[in-house]
């Protein structure tokens, strides 16, 4: 049955997929999530093909993650943006250099499909035309290379032992280009009062909150005056 649905999903589009979705949700609910993932990825592939001509190496991309901690990040930072990465072109394909588990390069369509509703925003240095020369991009990529494969940092520490998404971007741009995007803060600067935030903090730190830990949030990068918005989908 699983193989049947896999083949069927690859050969039906449009109205047929919607009809199949209704059938699966009623008669085969275990297969329904697979259909939703397929639809989401197909939409992401179409979107990324459409926007590809407008992208540049080194662009930053933001979305609302569907991870377990996304809600807490949104509440603590008062922002919809909870995940981000750097866009690079590898051969003919666009990739997102991101800190998940582990730090890795992810095909752009896969990255877009993981976000809520497939929505995202891309940003770029305001002076990218002169600042992001081939030599500068080489330095940017070289700055990220030592961090490739590092484990994701659930504790949002500032060391390189483990890395989280916005930390990766900040360090790569600072080390590669000497550009400090966004405002560094401390954990104490965020809104830690919501029960969902407090529950996540207790889960991670117990009773010993590192309130003086240096932190860079996705929204701080997003609001950097050095960046301009390129795409909003």
Protein backbone atom coordinates (compact mmCIF):
# COMPACT_ATOMS: atom_id res chain seq x y z
CA UNK A 1 0.00 0.00 0.00
CA UNK A 2 2.83 2.42 0.85
CA UNK A 3 4.48 1.82 -2.55
CA UNK A 4 1.14 2.31 -4.27
CA UNK A 5 0.67 5.74 -2.73
CA UNK A 6 4.25 6.72 -3.49
CA UNK A 7 3.78 5.95 -7.20
CA UNK A 8 0.36 7.54 -7.26
CA UNK A 9 1.62 10.76 -5.69
CA UNK A 10 4.24 11.06 -8.40
CA UNK A 11 1.73 10.70 -11.23
CA UNK A 12 -1.28 12.78 -10.10
CA UNK A 13 -1.40 16.59 -9.97
CA UNK A 14 -3.93 19.39 -9.58
CA UNK A 15 -7.50 18.33 -8.86
CA UNK A 16 -6.50 14.67 -8.70
CA UNK A 17 -4.17 15.40 -5.77
CA UNK A 18 -6.89 17.29 -3.92
CA UNK A 19 -9.31 14.40 -4.49
CA UNK A 20 -6.70 11.95 -3.30
CA UNK A 21 -6.14 14.07 -0.22
CA UNK A 22 -9.79 13.87 0.72
CA UNK A 23 -9.75 10.11 0.20
CA UNK A 24 -6.61 9.61 2.28
CA UNK A 25 -7.78 11.81 5.12
CA UNK A 26 -10.92 9.68 5.46
CA UNK A 27 -9.86 6.19 4.35
CA UNK A 28 -6.10 6.10 4.92
CA UNK A 29 -5.18 8.78 7.50
CA UNK A 30 -1.70 7.32 8.05
CA UNK A 31 -0.80 8.19 4.44
CA UNK A 32 -2.32 11.68 4.51
CA UNK A 33 0.74 13.42 6.03
CA UNK A 34 2.84 12.00 3.21
CA UNK A 35 0.55 13.66 0.69
CA UNK A 36 0.76 16.98 2.53
CA UNK A 37 4.56 16.83 2.50
CA UNK A 38 4.51 16.02 -1.21
CA UNK A 39 2.20 18.95 -1.96
CA UNK A 40 4.31 21.29 0.17
CA UNK A 41 7.51 20.28 -1.56
CA UNK A 42 6.00 20.58 -5.04
CA UNK A 43 4.85 24.12 -4.20
CA UNK A 44 8.30 24.97 -2.80
CA UNK A 45 10.00 23.66 -5.96
CA UNK A 46 7.76 25.84 -8.13
CA UNK A 47 8.43 28.89 -5.95
CA UNK A 48 12.20 28.45 -5.86
CA UNK A 49 12.36 27.97 -9.63
CA UNK A 50 10.44 31.22 -10.03
CA UNK A 51 12.61 33.28 -7.68
CA UNK A 52 16.00 31.82 -8.63
CA UNK A 53 16.88 34.64 -11.08
CA UNK A 54 16.44 37.20 -8.28
CA UNK A 55 18.75 35.49 -5.78
CA UNK A 56 22.41 36.30 -5.17
CA UNK A 57 25.10 34.38 -3.34
CA UNK A 58 25.23 35.52 0.28
CA UNK A 59 21.55 36.45 0.55
CA UNK A 60 19.94 35.77 3.92
CA UNK A 61 16.64 33.89 4.10
CA UNK A 62 14.15 33.85 7.00
CA UNK A 63 11.05 31.84 7.76
CA UNK A 64 8.86 30.66 10.62
CA UNK A 65 10.11 27.24 11.61
CA UNK A 66 7.76 24.41 12.51
CA UNK A 67 10.19 23.08 15.11
CA UNK A 68 9.21 22.48 18.72
CA UNK A 69 11.04 25.58 19.94
CA UNK A 70 9.79 27.99 17.27
CA UNK A 71 6.84 29.27 19.30
CA UNK A 72 9.07 30.10 22.28
CA UNK A 73 11.53 31.98 20.05
CA UNK A 74 8.70 33.98 18.49
CA UNK A 75 7.26 34.91 21.89
CA UNK A 76 10.61 35.79 23.44
CA UNK A 77 11.72 37.96 20.50
CA UNK A 78 8.29 39.36 19.55
CA UNK A 79 8.80 38.26 15.96
CA UNK A 80 7.46 35.75 13.46
CA UNK A 81 10.97 34.86 12.33
CA UNK A 82 12.46 31.87 14.12
CA UNK A 83 14.91 30.40 11.61
CA UNK A 84 17.36 31.72 9.02
CA UNK A 85 20.24 30.75 6.75
CA UNK A 86 22.59 31.94 4.01
CA UNK A 87 21.81 31.27 0.35
CA UNK A 88 24.57 30.02 -1.97
CA UNK A 89 24.51 28.62 -5.48
CA UNK A 90 26.25 25.26 -5.80
CA UNK A 91 26.58 24.38 -9.48
CA UNK A 92 23.10 24.86 -10.91
CA UNK A 93 21.31 24.48 -7.57
CA UNK A 94 20.56 26.93 -4.75
CA UNK A 95 21.40 25.76 -1.24
CA UNK A 96 20.82 27.20 2.23
CA UNK A 97 23.76 27.06 4.64
CA UNK A 98 22.01 26.63 7.97
CA UNK A 99 22.43 25.50 11.55
CA UNK A 100 20.04 22.65 12.21
CA UNK A 101 21.24 19.23 13.33
CA UNK A 102 23.97 19.47 12.20
CA UNK A 103 25.19 22.65 10.44
CA UNK A 104 24.76 21.75 6.77
CA UNK A 105 23.75 22.82 3.27
CA UNK A 106 20.09 22.20 2.46
CA UNK A 107 18.48 22.41 -1.01
CA UNK A 108 16.49 25.65 -1.15
CA UNK A 109 13.19 23.93 -2.05
CA UNK A 110 13.55 21.62 0.97
CA UNK A 111 14.26 24.62 3.19
CA UNK A 112 11.25 26.58 1.92
CA UNK A 113 8.96 23.55 2.32
CA UNK A 114 9.93 23.26 6.00
CA UNK A 115 8.65 26.76 6.84
CA UNK A 116 5.11 27.57 7.90
CA UNK A 117 2.94 27.91 4.82
CA UNK A 118 6.01 27.99 2.59
CA UNK A 119 6.44 31.69 3.43
CA UNK A 120 9.87 33.32 3.60
CA UNK A 121 11.74 36.59 3.18
CA UNK A 122 15.18 37.10 1.64
CA UNK A 123 17.47 39.98 2.57
CA UNK A 124 20.75 41.27 1.16
CA UNK A 125 23.49 43.71 2.05
CA UNK A 126 22.46 47.15 0.85
CA UNK A 127 25.86 47.54 -0.80
CA UNK A 128 26.04 43.97 -2.10
CA UNK A 129 26.82 45.12 -5.64
CA UNK A 130 30.21 46.40 -4.49
CA UNK A 131 30.76 44.47 -1.24
CA UNK A 132 30.02 40.93 -2.40
CA UNK A 133 32.75 40.56 -4.97
CA UNK A 134 33.88 37.06 -5.98
CA UNK A 135 36.80 37.40 -3.55
CA UNK A 136 34.49 38.53 -0.73
CA UNK A 137 32.10 35.63 -1.38
CA UNK A 138 35.03 33.23 -1.27
CA UNK A 139 35.97 34.62 2.16
CA UNK A 140 32.35 34.34 3.30
CA UNK A 141 32.16 30.69 2.30
CA UNK A 142 35.58 29.97 3.82
CA UNK A 143 34.45 31.49 7.14
CA UNK A 144 31.57 29.03 7.32
CA UNK A 145 33.53 25.95 6.33
CA UNK A 146 35.02 25.23 9.81
CA UNK A 147 31.49 25.25 11.27
CA UNK A 148 30.08 22.73 8.79
CA UNK A 149 28.97 19.59 10.61
CA UNK A 150 28.86 21.19 14.07
CA UNK A 151 25.95 20.12 16.25
CA UNK A 152 22.96 22.40 16.73
CA UNK A 153 23.07 24.48 19.92
CA UNK A 154 19.88 23.95 21.92
CA UNK A 155 21.30 26.17 24.69
CA UNK A 156 22.12 29.22 22.57
CA UNK A 157 25.67 29.53 23.83
CA UNK A 158 28.21 31.78 22.12
CA UNK A 159 31.05 29.28 21.71
CA UNK A 160 31.72 27.49 18.43
CA UNK A 161 31.27 24.06 20.02
CA UNK A 162 27.61 24.10 18.98
CA UNK A 163 25.91 26.59 16.67
CA UNK A 164 22.37 27.93 16.23
CA UNK A 165 20.97 29.54 13.09
CA UNK A 166 21.37 33.29 13.65
CA UNK A 167 24.70 32.75 15.41
CA UNK A 168 25.97 30.98 12.28
CA UNK A 169 25.05 33.93 10.06
CA UNK A 170 26.49 36.54 12.43
CA UNK A 171 29.81 34.73 12.81
CA UNK A 172 30.18 33.94 9.09
CA UNK A 173 29.58 37.57 8.07
CA UNK A 174 31.77 38.94 10.85
CA UNK A 175 34.64 36.55 10.23
CA UNK A 176 34.40 36.56 6.44
CA UNK A 177 33.65 40.21 5.73
CA UNK A 178 34.08 42.05 9.04
CA UNK A 179 30.36 42.92 8.94
CA UNK A 180 28.39 42.69 12.19
CA UNK A 181 24.75 42.24 11.25
CA UNK A 182 22.11 42.97 13.86
CA UNK A 183 22.54 43.83 17.51
CA UNK A 184 24.09 41.38 19.93
CA UNK A 185 22.03 41.01 23.10
CA UNK A 186 21.97 38.97 26.29
CA UNK A 187 19.40 36.36 27.20
CA UNK A 188 18.04 38.69 29.87
CA UNK A 189 17.09 41.23 27.15
CA UNK A 190 14.34 39.01 25.75
CA UNK A 191 10.76 38.63 26.95
CA UNK A 192 10.98 35.55 29.16
CA UNK A 193 7.62 35.92 30.87
CA UNK A 194 5.31 33.85 28.70
CA UNK A 195 4.57 30.36 30.12
CA UNK A 196 5.64 28.71 26.85
CA UNK A 197 8.99 30.50 27.02
CA UNK A 198 9.46 29.67 30.69
CA UNK A 199 8.66 26.01 30.05
CA UNK A 200 11.27 25.82 27.29
CA UNK A 201 13.85 27.58 29.50
CA UNK A 202 13.24 25.13 32.35
CA UNK A 203 13.55 22.24 29.92
CA UNK A 204 16.92 23.51 28.68
CA UNK A 205 18.50 25.13 31.75
CA UNK A 206 16.63 23.98 34.85
CA UNK A 207 16.94 26.70 37.49
CA UNK A 208 20.27 28.09 36.22
CA UNK A 209 19.44 30.57 33.48
CA UNK A 210 22.53 32.02 31.75
CA UNK A 211 20.99 35.50 31.65
CA UNK A 212 24.29 37.16 30.68
CA UNK A 213 24.94 34.85 27.71
CA UNK A 214 25.57 36.73 24.45
CA UNK A 215 22.78 36.03 21.95
CA UNK A 216 21.90 37.08 18.41
CA UNK A 217 18.26 36.48 17.42
CA UNK A 218 16.82 35.95 13.93
CA UNK A 219 14.78 39.15 14.20
CA UNK A 220 17.87 41.15 15.19
CA UNK A 221 19.50 40.05 11.94
CA UNK A 222 16.27 40.66 10.05
CA UNK A 223 16.10 44.25 11.31
CA UNK A 224 19.76 45.05 10.62
CA UNK A 225 20.00 48.46 8.91
CA UNK A 226 22.71 47.02 6.67
CA UNK A 227 20.18 44.74 4.95
CA UNK A 228 17.48 45.41 2.39
CA UNK A 229 14.51 43.16 1.58
CA UNK A 230 14.78 41.40 -1.77
CA UNK A 231 11.88 38.92 -1.80
CA UNK A 232 8.82 38.33 0.37
CA UNK A 233 6.74 35.24 -0.27
